[in-house]
């Protein structure tokens, strides 16, 4: 798993992630390989529905890695549910 800001979403490997330039979103590739984009805000998550501006909360750790709250729950063919903590994606 790695954080990168010098590539595109198409070049991310499973478990990689990158913040958008304005730090309002995070692109990540799940451990199963699906690319997703999540809206984010620094600090605590915004619990409103996504359609109303809800977002995952993020913390930038001292080593530059990112932690997200709450868990990530991807539905569909490659469903995956887990966490991004200190830059590492782990299943729930």
Protein backbone atom coordinates (compact mmCIF):
# COMPACT_ATOMS: atom_id res chain seq x y z
CA UNK A 1 0.00 0.00 0.00
CA UNK A 2 1.27 3.41 -0.82
CA UNK A 3 0.17 6.97 -0.93
CA UNK A 4 1.03 8.71 -4.14
CA UNK A 5 0.27 12.05 -5.69
CA UNK A 6 2.39 11.79 -8.83
CA UNK A 7 0.35 9.35 -10.91
CA UNK A 8 -3.18 8.85 -12.17
CA UNK A 9 -5.92 6.65 -10.76
CA UNK A 10 -5.30 4.27 -13.67
CA UNK A 11 -1.78 3.56 -12.43
CA UNK A 12 -2.69 2.83 -8.81
CA UNK A 13 -2.12 -0.73 -7.62
CA UNK A 14 -4.58 -2.52 -5.28
CA UNK A 15 -4.30 -0.87 -1.86
CA UNK A 16 -2.85 2.41 -3.21
CA UNK A 17 -4.52 5.77 -2.66
CA UNK A 18 -4.08 9.46 -3.45
CA UNK A 19 -5.71 12.68 -2.31
CA UNK A 20 -7.20 15.07 -4.83
CA UNK A 21 -5.25 18.31 -5.15
CA UNK A 22 -7.88 20.24 -3.22
CA UNK A 23 -8.09 17.51 -0.52
CA UNK A 24 -11.85 17.12 -0.92
CA UNK A 25 -11.61 13.59 -2.29
CA UNK A 26 -9.49 10.48 -2.15
CA UNK A 27 -8.95 8.06 -5.00
CA UNK A 28 -8.15 4.53 -3.98
CA UNK A 29 -7.93 1.12 -5.49
CA UNK A 30 -9.48 -1.50 -3.23
CA UNK A 31 -7.52 -4.66 -2.43
CA UNK A 32 -9.71 -6.37 -5.08
CA UNK A 33 -8.61 -3.81 -7.67
CA UNK A 34 -11.64 -1.54 -8.08
CA UNK A 35 -10.93 2.21 -8.37
CA UNK A 36 -13.22 4.39 -6.26
CA UNK A 37 -13.38 8.04 -5.25
CA UNK A 38 -14.68 9.08 -1.85
CA UNK A 39 -15.55 12.62 -0.71
CA UNK A 40 -13.52 13.57 2.35
CA UNK A 41 -13.23 16.29 4.98
CA UNK A 42 -10.38 16.76 7.42
CA UNK A 43 -11.23 15.53 10.91
CA UNK A 44 -14.51 13.88 11.77
CA UNK A 45 -16.80 12.47 9.03
CA UNK A 46 -19.83 14.43 7.84
CA UNK A 47 -22.72 12.02 8.59
CA UNK A 48 -25.16 13.51 6.10
CA UNK A 49 -26.09 11.36 3.07
CA UNK A 50 -23.54 11.69 0.25
CA UNK A 51 -26.14 13.43 -1.94
CA UNK A 52 -26.38 16.14 0.72
CA UNK A 53 -22.65 16.70 1.19
CA UNK A 54 -21.74 13.83 3.51
CA UNK A 55 -18.11 12.73 3.52
CA UNK A 56 -15.58 10.44 5.14
CA UNK A 57 -13.36 12.06 7.73
CA UNK A 58 -9.62 11.81 7.22
CA UNK A 59 -6.56 12.28 9.34
CA UNK A 60 -3.10 12.77 7.91
CA UNK A 61 -0.75 10.87 10.20
CA UNK A 62 2.74 12.09 11.18
CA UNK A 63 4.34 9.76 8.61
CA UNK A 64 2.16 11.20 5.80
CA UNK A 65 -0.19 8.22 5.64
CA UNK A 66 -3.96 8.68 5.72
CA UNK A 67 -6.64 7.19 7.99
CA UNK A 68 -10.35 7.34 7.08
CA UNK A 69 -13.53 7.14 9.17
CA UNK A 70 -15.92 5.34 8.86
CA UNK A 71 -15.22 2.07 7.07
CA UNK A 72 -15.29 1.74 3.29
CA UNK A 73 -18.09 -0.46 1.96
CA UNK A 74 -17.94 -1.20 -1.77
CA UNK A 75 -20.91 -3.01 -3.30
CA UNK A 76 -21.09 -4.88 -6.58
CA UNK A 77 -19.13 -7.56 -8.35
CA UNK A 78 -15.97 -7.01 -6.30
CA UNK A 79 -17.63 -6.13 -2.99
CA UNK A 80 -15.16 -5.18 -0.27
CA UNK A 81 -15.68 -3.82 3.24
CA UNK A 82 -12.80 -2.56 5.32
CA UNK A 83 -10.75 0.27 6.71
CA UNK A 84 -7.92 2.58 5.66
CA UNK A 85 -5.83 3.09 8.78
CA UNK A 86 -2.31 4.52 8.75
CA UNK A 87 -2.25 3.98 5.00
CA UNK A 88 -3.09 0.28 5.16
CA UNK A 89 -6.34 -1.22 3.90
CA UNK A 90 -7.63 -4.03 6.08
CA UNK A 91 -10.89 -6.01 5.82
CA UNK A 92 -13.64 -5.42 8.35
